[in-house]
Protein backbone atom coordinates (compact mmCIF):
# COMPACT_ATOMS: atom_id res chain seq x y z
CA MET A 1 -22.02 -13.06 -28.82
CA PRO A 2 -20.41 -14.28 -25.55
CA ALA A 3 -20.38 -11.80 -22.69
CA PHE A 4 -17.37 -9.52 -22.09
CA ILE A 5 -15.61 -11.62 -19.45
CA GLU A 6 -16.04 -14.88 -21.36
CA ARG A 7 -15.25 -13.33 -24.74
CA HIS A 8 -11.87 -12.05 -23.58
CA GLY A 9 -11.02 -15.02 -21.33
CA LEU A 10 -10.65 -12.88 -18.21
CA TRP A 11 -11.47 -15.59 -15.65
CA ASN A 12 -9.88 -18.97 -15.07
CA ASP A 13 -11.85 -22.08 -14.14
CA ASP A 14 -11.62 -21.37 -10.41
CA GLN A 15 -12.95 -17.85 -10.87
CA ARG A 16 -15.87 -19.07 -12.98
CA ARG A 17 -16.78 -21.54 -10.26
CA GLN A 18 -16.38 -18.89 -7.57
CA ALA A 19 -18.55 -16.45 -9.54
CA ALA A 20 -21.42 -18.96 -9.56
CA GLU A 21 -20.99 -19.39 -5.81
CA VAL A 22 -21.06 -15.62 -5.30
CA LEU A 23 -24.35 -15.26 -7.15
CA ALA A 24 -25.87 -18.03 -5.02
CA ARG A 25 -24.57 -16.46 -1.81
CA ILE A 26 -25.96 -13.03 -2.64
CA THR A 27 -29.45 -14.54 -2.68
CA ALA A 28 -28.99 -16.97 0.20
CA GLU A 29 -27.20 -14.54 2.54
CA ASN A 30 -29.58 -11.61 2.12
CA VAL A 31 -27.13 -9.22 0.48
CA HIS A 32 -28.83 -5.87 -0.20
CA GLN A 33 -25.95 -4.24 -2.04
CA LEU A 34 -22.54 -5.11 -3.44
CA ARG A 35 -19.59 -2.72 -3.52
CA LEU A 36 -17.28 -3.19 -6.49
CA SER A 37 -13.92 -1.48 -5.91
CA PHE A 38 -10.50 -1.11 -7.49
CA PRO A 39 -7.33 0.42 -6.05
CA ASP A 40 -6.25 3.61 -7.78
CA LEU A 41 -2.70 4.92 -8.20
CA HIS A 42 -2.59 5.98 -4.54
CA GLY A 43 -4.04 2.78 -3.12
CA LEU A 44 -7.44 4.37 -2.49
CA LEU A 45 -10.47 2.19 -3.22
CA ARG A 46 -12.83 3.62 -5.82
CA GLY A 47 -15.87 1.99 -7.36
CA LYS A 48 -19.64 1.62 -7.46
CA THR A 49 -22.35 -0.01 -5.35
CA LEU A 50 -24.76 -2.34 -7.15
CA LEU A 51 -28.14 -3.65 -6.09
CA PRO A 52 -28.63 -7.44 -6.30
CA GLY A 53 -30.46 -7.33 -9.62
CA ALA A 54 -27.46 -5.69 -11.31
CA VAL A 55 -24.89 -8.17 -10.04
CA PRO A 56 -25.42 -10.96 -12.63
CA GLY A 57 -24.77 -8.47 -15.42
CA ALA A 58 -21.56 -7.30 -13.76
CA MET A 59 -20.48 -10.93 -13.46
CA ARG A 60 -20.90 -11.31 -17.21
CA ASP A 61 -19.81 -7.95 -18.62
CA GLY A 62 -18.06 -6.16 -15.78
CA CYS A 63 -19.03 -2.68 -14.61
CA ALA A 64 -18.13 0.52 -16.46
CA ILE A 65 -16.38 3.29 -14.54
CA THR A 66 -14.82 6.57 -15.62
CA SER A 67 -11.17 6.51 -16.64
CA THR A 68 -10.48 9.92 -15.05
CA LEU A 69 -10.03 8.05 -11.76
CA LEU A 70 -6.62 7.05 -13.14
CA LEU A 71 -5.64 10.71 -13.49
CA LYS A 72 -6.28 12.13 -10.02
CA ASP A 73 -3.86 13.31 -7.37
CA THR A 74 -4.34 12.94 -3.61
CA ALA A 75 -6.72 15.93 -3.54
CA HIS A 76 -8.93 14.09 -6.08
CA ARG A 77 -8.03 16.66 -8.73
CA THR A 78 -7.75 15.52 -12.35
CA VAL A 79 -4.29 16.77 -13.25
CA VAL A 80 -4.47 16.72 -17.09
CA PRO A 81 -6.88 18.22 -19.66
CA VAL A 82 -8.86 15.04 -20.36
CA PHE A 83 -11.20 16.69 -22.88
CA THR A 84 -8.39 17.39 -25.34
CA ALA A 85 -6.83 14.97 -27.85
CA GLY A 86 -4.99 12.20 -26.05
CA ALA A 87 -6.12 13.69 -22.72
CA GLY A 88 -3.28 16.16 -23.17
CA ILE A 89 -0.72 13.41 -22.50
CA GLY A 90 -0.83 11.46 -25.75
CA ASN A 91 -3.04 8.68 -24.40
CA ALA A 92 -6.14 8.17 -26.51
CA ASP A 93 -7.46 5.55 -24.07
CA LEU A 94 -7.98 8.27 -21.45
CA GLN A 95 -9.22 11.21 -23.50
CA GLY A 96 -12.74 12.52 -22.99
CA GLY A 97 -13.22 10.86 -19.62
CA GLY A 98 -14.42 7.66 -21.27
CA ASP A 99 -15.03 4.41 -19.43
CA VAL A 100 -12.88 1.47 -18.46
CA VAL A 101 -14.38 -1.80 -17.20
CA MET A 102 -14.15 -3.14 -13.66
CA VAL A 103 -14.10 -6.94 -13.73
CA PRO A 104 -14.79 -8.47 -10.30
CA ASP A 105 -12.38 -11.00 -8.83
CA PRO A 106 -14.88 -13.44 -7.28
CA ALA A 107 -12.20 -14.89 -4.98
CA THR A 108 -12.29 -11.61 -3.02
CA PHE A 109 -16.03 -11.70 -2.18
CA ARG A 110 -16.81 -11.03 1.49
CA HIS A 111 -19.38 -9.40 3.74
CA LEU A 112 -18.56 -6.08 5.42
CA PRO A 113 -19.36 -6.72 9.08
CA TRP A 114 -19.78 -3.02 9.92
CA ALA A 115 -22.31 -2.52 7.09
CA PRO A 116 -25.09 -5.13 7.47
CA GLY A 117 -26.38 -6.46 4.16
CA THR A 118 -23.35 -5.11 2.25
CA ALA A 119 -20.86 -7.32 0.42
CA TRP A 120 -17.65 -6.33 -1.36
CA MET A 121 -15.40 -7.48 -4.19
CA MET A 122 -12.07 -6.29 -5.57
CA CYS A 123 -11.95 -5.61 -9.30
CA ASP A 124 -9.34 -5.50 -12.03
CA LEU A 125 -9.47 -2.94 -14.85
CA TYR A 126 -9.80 -3.57 -18.59
CA HIS A 127 -10.38 -1.44 -21.65
CA ALA A 128 -13.53 -1.94 -23.73
CA ASP A 129 -11.62 -4.13 -26.19
CA GLY A 130 -10.48 -6.49 -23.42
CA ARG A 131 -6.95 -5.14 -23.01
CA PRO A 132 -5.75 -4.92 -19.42
CA VAL A 133 -5.36 -1.35 -18.17
CA ALA A 134 -1.60 -0.91 -17.93
CA LEU A 135 -1.97 1.65 -15.14
CA SER A 136 -3.62 -0.85 -12.80
CA THR A 137 -1.37 -1.11 -9.74
CA ARG A 138 -2.77 -4.50 -8.72
CA ARG A 139 -1.84 -5.89 -12.12
CA ILE A 140 1.72 -4.59 -11.74
CA ALA A 141 2.11 -6.48 -8.45
CA GLN A 142 0.63 -9.62 -10.03
CA ALA A 143 3.15 -9.38 -12.86
CA ALA A 144 6.05 -8.96 -10.42
CA ALA A 145 4.94 -12.04 -8.45
CA ALA A 146 4.69 -13.98 -11.72
CA ARG A 147 8.27 -13.05 -12.62
CA LEU A 148 9.48 -14.44 -9.30
CA ALA A 149 7.40 -17.58 -9.88
CA ASP A 150 9.12 -18.06 -13.23
CA ARG A 151 12.40 -18.11 -11.31
CA GLY A 152 11.01 -20.78 -8.96
CA PHE A 153 10.06 -18.58 -5.99
CA ASP A 154 6.94 -17.46 -4.18
CA TYR A 155 7.10 -14.05 -2.52
CA VAL A 156 6.13 -14.18 1.18
CA SER A 157 5.52 -11.04 3.21
CA GLY A 158 4.02 -9.93 6.50
CA LEU A 159 2.86 -6.47 7.51
CA GLU A 160 3.46 -4.30 10.58
CA VAL A 161 1.29 -1.20 10.19
CA GLU A 162 1.30 1.80 12.52
CA PHE A 163 -1.47 4.42 12.52
CA HIS A 164 -3.10 7.09 14.67
CA LEU A 165 -6.49 6.39 16.25
CA THR A 166 -8.24 9.41 17.77
CA ARG A 167 -11.71 10.46 18.89
CA LEU A 168 -13.65 12.59 16.42
CA VAL A 169 -14.61 15.98 17.90
CA ASP A 170 -15.64 18.00 14.84
CA PRO A 171 -15.88 16.39 11.38
CA LYS A 172 -15.68 19.86 9.77
CA LEU A 173 -18.73 19.49 7.56
CA ALA A 174 -19.60 23.16 7.16
CA PRO A 175 -19.83 24.17 3.49
CA ALA A 176 -16.74 26.36 3.89
CA ASP A 177 -14.77 23.27 4.94
CA SER A 178 -15.42 21.50 1.65
CA GLY A 179 -12.72 21.61 -0.98
CA GLN A 180 -9.96 19.76 -2.79
CA PRO A 181 -8.79 18.84 -0.21
CA GLY A 182 -11.26 19.74 2.52
CA THR A 183 -10.53 20.85 6.08
CA PRO A 184 -9.23 17.94 8.20
CA PRO A 185 -11.42 16.91 11.14
CA GLU A 186 -10.74 18.07 14.68
CA VAL A 187 -9.78 15.18 16.96
CA THR A 188 -8.66 14.46 20.52
CA LEU A 189 -6.34 11.78 21.86
CA LEU A 190 -7.37 8.41 23.24
CA HIS A 191 -4.23 8.14 25.36
CA GLN A 192 -1.01 10.04 26.07
CA GLY A 193 2.15 8.79 24.46
CA TYR A 194 5.63 7.52 25.26
CA ALA A 195 4.46 4.57 27.37
CA TYR A 196 5.45 2.12 24.63
CA LEU A 197 3.86 -1.34 24.93
CA THR A 198 2.56 -0.71 28.45
CA GLU A 199 -0.55 -2.67 29.37
CA GLN A 200 -2.10 0.28 31.19
CA ARG A 201 -2.09 2.49 28.10
CA PHE A 202 -3.26 -0.40 25.93
CA ASP A 203 -6.26 -0.93 28.18
CA GLN A 204 -7.31 2.69 27.68
CA ILE A 205 -7.88 2.09 23.97
CA GLU A 206 -8.82 -1.60 24.13
CA PRO A 207 -12.58 -0.95 23.74
CA VAL A 208 -12.20 0.54 20.24
CA LEU A 209 -9.34 -1.82 19.32
CA ASP A 210 -11.64 -4.71 20.15
CA ILE A 211 -14.21 -3.40 17.67
CA LEU A 212 -11.52 -3.18 15.00
CA ARG A 213 -10.15 -6.62 15.90
CA ARG A 214 -13.57 -8.27 15.71
CA ASP A 215 -14.46 -6.79 12.33
CA CYS A 216 -11.01 -7.40 10.82
CA LEU A 217 -11.19 -11.06 11.78
CA ALA A 218 -14.71 -11.27 10.37
CA LEU A 219 -13.26 -10.03 7.07
CA GLY A 220 -10.75 -12.88 7.13
CA LEU A 221 -7.71 -10.65 7.64
CA PRO A 222 -4.77 -12.58 9.17
CA LEU A 223 -4.25 -10.49 12.30
CA HIS A 224 -1.40 -11.65 14.53
CA SER A 225 -1.24 -9.00 17.27
CA LEU A 226 -2.42 -5.55 18.37
CA GLU A 227 0.20 -3.29 19.92
CA LEU A 228 0.51 0.10 21.55
CA GLU A 229 3.02 2.30 19.75
CA PHE A 230 5.34 4.98 21.09
CA GLY A 231 3.39 8.13 20.29
CA PRO A 232 0.10 9.56 21.59
CA SER A 233 -2.95 7.73 20.21
CA GLN A 234 -0.69 5.59 18.04
CA CYS A 235 -1.07 1.84 17.63
CA GLU A 236 0.17 -0.99 15.43
CA PHE A 237 -1.52 -4.01 13.86
CA VAL A 238 0.69 -6.95 12.90
CA PHE A 239 -0.33 -9.53 10.29
CA SER A 240 0.72 -13.12 9.73
CA PRO A 241 2.67 -13.65 6.48
CA GLY A 242 0.94 -14.35 3.18
CA ASN A 243 1.88 -15.27 -0.37
CA GLY A 244 2.17 -13.17 -3.51
CA ILE A 245 -0.08 -10.13 -3.63
CA GLN A 246 -2.44 -11.38 -0.90
CA PRO A 247 -0.79 -9.14 1.75
CA ALA A 248 -1.32 -6.15 -0.56
CA ASP A 249 -5.01 -7.06 -0.94
CA ASP A 250 -5.15 -7.41 2.86
CA MET A 251 -3.53 -4.01 3.40
CA ILE A 252 -5.96 -2.27 1.04
CA LEU A 253 -8.94 -3.84 2.78
CA PHE A 254 -7.51 -3.27 6.27
CA ARG A 255 -6.84 0.41 5.73
CA ASN A 256 -10.27 0.96 4.21
CA ALA A 257 -12.03 -1.06 6.92
CA VAL A 258 -10.30 0.66 9.84
CA LYS A 259 -11.20 4.13 8.59
CA GLN A 260 -14.84 3.21 7.97
CA ILE A 261 -15.32 1.29 11.24
CA ALA A 262 -13.66 4.03 13.29
CA ARG A 263 -15.81 6.75 11.73
CA ARG A 264 -19.04 4.84 12.38
CA HIS A 265 -18.15 4.64 16.08
CA GLY A 266 -17.14 8.29 16.50
CA TYR A 267 -13.39 7.84 16.01
CA HIS A 268 -10.91 8.89 13.35
CA ALA A 269 -8.15 6.67 11.98
CA SER A 270 -5.29 8.16 9.99
CA PHE A 271 -2.54 6.35 8.10
CA MET A 272 -0.80 9.67 7.39
CA CYS A 273 2.86 9.30 8.33
CA ARG A 274 3.39 12.35 10.55
CA PRO A 275 0.17 14.21 11.47
CA GLN A 276 0.34 17.84 12.57
CA LEU A 277 -0.77 16.99 16.10
CA PRO A 278 1.16 18.16 19.18
CA ASN A 279 3.77 15.59 20.25
CA ALA A 280 2.79 13.17 17.47
CA MET A 281 5.27 10.53 16.34
CA SER A 282 5.74 9.31 12.78
CA SER A 283 4.04 6.09 11.71
CA GLY A 284 5.81 3.48 9.61
CA TRP A 285 4.94 0.36 7.68
CA HIS A 286 7.54 -2.34 8.17
CA LEU A 287 7.50 -5.07 5.53
CA HIS A 288 8.87 -8.51 6.46
CA GLN A 289 9.72 -10.55 3.38
CA SER A 290 11.28 -13.77 2.20
CA LEU A 291 11.09 -16.18 -0.73
CA ARG A 292 9.72 -19.70 -0.70
CA ASP A 293 11.20 -22.33 -3.01
CA ARG A 294 8.28 -23.49 -5.15
CA ALA A 295 9.80 -26.96 -5.62
CA THR A 296 10.56 -27.78 -1.98
CA GLY A 297 8.40 -25.33 0.01
CA ALA A 298 11.49 -24.31 2.01
CA ASN A 299 12.41 -20.77 2.97
CA ALA A 300 14.89 -19.78 0.25
CA PHE A 301 16.51 -17.18 2.54
CA ALA A 302 17.52 -19.78 5.17
CA ASP A 303 21.13 -20.93 5.08
CA THR A 304 21.30 -24.50 3.80
CA GLU A 305 23.81 -25.49 6.50
CA GLY A 306 21.71 -24.12 9.34
CA ARG A 307 23.97 -21.16 10.11
CA PRO A 308 22.42 -17.90 11.43
CA ALA A 309 22.87 -16.14 8.12
CA LEU A 310 21.12 -15.54 4.83
CA SER A 311 21.46 -18.08 2.05
CA ARG A 312 23.11 -17.11 -1.24
CA THR A 313 19.64 -16.37 -2.66
CA GLY A 314 18.85 -14.24 0.39
CA ARG A 315 22.10 -12.28 0.07
CA GLN A 316 21.46 -11.63 -3.60
CA PHE A 317 17.90 -10.48 -2.89
CA LEU A 318 19.26 -8.21 -0.14
CA ALA A 319 21.83 -6.75 -2.54
CA GLY A 320 19.09 -6.01 -5.07
CA LEU A 321 16.95 -4.29 -2.43
CA LEU A 322 19.91 -2.10 -1.47
CA ARG A 323 20.77 -1.19 -5.07
CA GLY A 324 17.20 -0.16 -5.89
CA ALA A 325 16.23 1.34 -2.53
CA ALA A 326 16.69 5.07 -3.13
CA ALA A 327 15.04 5.10 -6.56
CA ALA A 328 12.16 2.94 -5.30
CA THR A 329 11.37 5.32 -2.43
CA PRO A 330 8.40 6.94 -4.22
CA PHE A 331 6.66 3.54 -4.12
CA SER A 332 7.27 2.98 -0.40
CA THR A 333 6.95 6.65 0.59
CA PRO A 334 4.69 8.36 -1.94
CA THR A 335 3.62 11.42 0.07
CA ILE A 336 5.38 14.70 0.73
CA ASN A 337 4.73 14.18 4.43
CA GLY A 338 6.37 10.74 4.57
CA TYR A 339 9.91 12.12 4.10
CA LYS A 340 9.67 13.95 7.43
CA ARG A 341 10.02 10.52 9.07
CA TYR A 342 13.59 9.87 7.90
CA ARG A 343 15.50 11.18 10.91
CA ALA A 344 18.61 9.86 12.60
CA ASN A 345 18.12 7.79 15.76
CA SER A 346 14.35 7.73 15.24
CA LEU A 347 13.77 4.01 14.50
CA ALA A 348 13.31 5.09 10.87
CA PRO A 349 16.15 4.80 8.34
CA ASP A 350 18.02 7.73 6.85
CA ARG A 351 20.47 5.90 4.56
CA VAL A 352 20.83 2.76 2.45
CA ALA A 353 22.38 0.19 4.77
CA TRP A 354 21.55 -3.14 6.34
CA GLY A 355 22.14 -4.59 9.78
CA GLU A 356 21.68 -7.82 11.64
CA ASP A 357 18.61 -7.43 13.86
CA ASN A 358 19.16 -3.65 13.98
CA ARG A 359 16.03 -1.50 13.99
CA GLY A 360 17.94 1.60 12.94
CA ALA A 361 18.89 0.13 9.57
CA LEU A 362 16.87 0.40 6.38
CA LEU A 363 16.99 -3.39 5.99
CA ARG A 364 16.96 -5.49 9.16
CA VAL A 365 18.06 -9.07 8.55
CA LEU A 366 16.54 -11.64 10.91
CA ALA A 367 18.41 -14.91 10.51
CA ARG A 368 19.22 -16.05 14.05
CA GLY A 369 15.95 -17.79 14.84
CA GLU A 370 14.26 -20.78 13.28
CA PRO A 371 15.30 -21.22 9.61
CA GLY A 372 11.71 -21.06 8.45
CA ALA A 373 11.43 -17.55 9.90
CA THR A 374 14.55 -16.14 8.21
CA ARG A 375 13.56 -12.89 6.57
CA ILE A 376 14.44 -9.30 5.67
CA GLU A 377 12.47 -6.47 7.26
CA ASN A 378 12.32 -3.28 5.21
CA ARG A 379 11.68 -0.34 7.54
CA ILE A 380 11.39 2.32 4.82
CA GLY A 381 7.65 2.36 4.16
CA GLU A 382 4.94 4.74 5.29
CA PRO A 383 1.44 3.36 5.98
CA ALA A 384 -0.09 5.56 3.24
CA ALA A 385 1.83 3.71 0.51
CA ASN A 386 -0.01 1.89 -2.26
CA PRO A 387 0.69 -1.70 -1.13
CA TYR A 388 0.81 -3.09 -4.67
CA LEU A 389 3.55 -0.67 -5.66
CA TYR A 390 5.46 -1.15 -2.40
CA LEU A 391 5.45 -4.94 -2.73
CA ALA A 392 6.19 -4.82 -6.45
CA SER A 393 9.20 -2.58 -5.83
CA GLN A 394 10.58 -5.14 -3.38
CA MET A 395 9.96 -8.10 -5.66
CA LEU A 396 11.49 -6.44 -8.71
CA THR A 397 14.59 -4.96 -7.07
CA GLY A 398 15.25 -8.14 -5.08
CA LEU A 399 14.83 -10.25 -8.20
CA ALA A 400 17.29 -8.00 -10.06
CA GLY A 401 19.86 -8.83 -7.38
CA ILE A 402 19.29 -12.55 -7.89
CA GLU A 403 19.51 -12.28 -11.67
CA ALA A 404 22.76 -10.28 -11.43
CA GLY A 405 24.28 -12.62 -8.81
CA GLU A 406 25.06 -9.61 -6.61
CA GLU A 407 26.53 -9.73 -3.12
CA PRO A 408 25.63 -7.12 -0.48
CA PRO A 409 28.19 -4.95 1.30
CA PRO A 410 29.03 -5.77 4.93
CA ALA A 411 26.42 -5.21 7.61
CA VAL A 412 26.65 -2.02 9.65
CA ASP A 413 26.62 -1.78 13.45
CA SER A 414 25.86 1.97 13.57
CA PRO A 415 23.31 2.58 10.81
CA TYR A 416 22.97 6.33 11.49
CA MET A 417 26.74 6.84 11.18
CA ALA A 418 27.51 4.46 8.31
CA GLU A 419 29.17 5.69 5.15
CA ALA A 420 26.27 4.83 2.86
CA GLU A 421 24.02 6.45 0.28
CA ALA A 422 21.51 8.79 1.91
CA LEU A 423 17.83 8.23 1.35
CA PRO A 424 16.12 11.10 -0.49
CA THR A 425 14.85 13.77 1.89
CA SER A 426 11.91 14.90 -0.23
CA LEU A 427 9.39 13.40 -2.62
CA GLU A 428 10.62 15.77 -5.32
CA THR A 429 14.16 14.38 -5.08
CA ALA A 430 12.90 10.80 -4.90
CA LEU A 431 10.88 11.21 -8.09
CA GLY A 432 14.01 12.34 -9.91
CA LEU A 433 15.80 9.16 -8.80
CA LEU A 434 12.89 7.03 -9.99
CA ASP A 435 12.86 8.86 -13.32
CA GLY A 436 16.48 7.92 -13.93
CA SER A 437 16.28 4.30 -12.76
CA ALA A 438 16.73 1.85 -15.63
CA LEU A 439 16.08 -1.02 -13.20
CA LEU A 440 12.65 0.25 -12.13
CA ARG A 441 11.68 1.41 -15.61
CA GLN A 442 12.41 -2.06 -16.90
CA GLY A 443 10.45 -3.65 -14.04
CA PHE A 444 7.40 -1.37 -13.96
CA GLY A 445 7.43 -0.29 -17.61
CA ASP A 446 8.17 3.17 -18.99
CA ASP A 447 4.49 3.98 -19.54
CA PHE A 448 3.58 3.32 -15.92
CA VAL A 449 6.62 5.10 -14.47
CA ASP A 450 6.01 8.17 -16.64
CA HIS A 451 2.32 8.23 -15.64
CA PHE A 452 3.17 7.86 -11.95
CA LEU A 453 5.75 10.65 -12.20
CA MET A 454 3.25 12.95 -13.90
CA ILE A 455 0.63 12.50 -11.17
CA LYS A 456 3.08 12.83 -8.27
CA ARG A 457 4.89 15.80 -9.79
CA ALA A 458 1.57 17.60 -10.13
CA GLU A 459 1.08 16.99 -6.41
CA VAL A 460 4.55 18.35 -5.64
CA ALA A 461 3.93 21.43 -7.82
CA ARG A 462 0.71 22.17 -5.96
CA TYR A 463 2.57 21.86 -2.66
CA ASN A 464 5.40 24.12 -3.81
CA SER A 465 2.92 26.82 -4.85
CA THR A 466 1.10 26.80 -1.49
CA VAL A 467 2.02 29.24 1.27
CA THR A 468 2.54 27.20 4.44
CA ASP A 469 2.07 28.08 8.12
CA TRP A 470 5.85 27.85 8.55
CA GLU A 471 6.48 30.47 5.86
CA HIS A 472 3.92 32.86 7.29
CA ARG A 473 5.34 32.58 10.82
CA GLU A 474 8.92 32.89 9.57
CA TYR A 475 8.64 35.88 7.22
CA PHE A 476 5.40 37.85 7.61
CA ASP A 477 6.54 39.96 10.60
CA LEU A 478 10.30 39.69 10.00
CA PHE A 479 10.39 41.45 6.64
């Protein structure tokens, strides 16, 4: 009988050729171990590490991994009773903690420069009968890109990612610090804040940024610039644009790489939106996006007469982004913490509006430069977002605007004073908007949306049942 991957036709001709090249490279390039990983619901990489002798088998039959990894919240807790019928949620595929199959994507093979002798590949998930796992977030983004391609467009996006980079003082590895979740590490700053984009502050952290730069380039990530952000120990990495889901793959690898490289050198990197550090500023993830006409290769957002404005396609895409923005917030801002960033006059949006080159607006339209660079910047995202879901939400809501022939409302000059729909101020509220969105249910599928809501609502319930520092300070002595 043919092997699993061949039997179910899971690779195309290019992937079969690339798989043969990978096997040859593992021998020729002295690879001691291969990490196989897949992105879970939260955009965290999970997987297994194989020794060279096990790799040929994985390239024929994939690699089994437990399905409970699809049922965990951000504390790594399994939120449903998996050992009951249908895992307690009516899904026989997930009951009993049985296996799914990781199938490597050989096009993603690369060496990890911070881990000598270690290579890495991204995987897609399948059931034992060859069916794709519907809860795979990478597959959802692939499907969204395919829908745009059917309409004659390629999705193009570039990333601006802010994060906090600190020096590790105490990793908190005492047994009492272990838990779900464990005690966060103790850190100290690398530089004081509020000296935005000053060369002096940048030079203070350049030694560790250079380590990150070198290893990111060795991974093949399309870095464009390194920048000092506004807050203490806060920086930003900017990427050149890429096609389809490639920027999401890049974001997953970048976030994982930065955390691992930093830790090996005595630092701590956090993509949490607003850490509980004195004077800390919120971090955002700004997504620059446009469409490319597959027939001509031209930027489909550029005005055909050369005016500094969006084309009809661009306006329709913008209108779709606006219509779906509030309900799509759980995909761009999936953590409870991320909603503490939406504050007026903070360079983060607080309502659904767009502006021309206005950094206070949710959607910043950049159409005054070269036509090829015409784009829409969405400033809603937090850097902890699952990039596949964030990009898919943009593709699907923008495409809905094109299909409906919508036109956007007028641009706003004062985005924090505009009469416009407010963004949700909590994850709990945002999940309710997603639940009721016919547009997003049609785009992502009811099964996925319901599963996502179940996992995130379990997270919210755990938060709501926890006594916080604020509550103790506010009430313990007062009453």
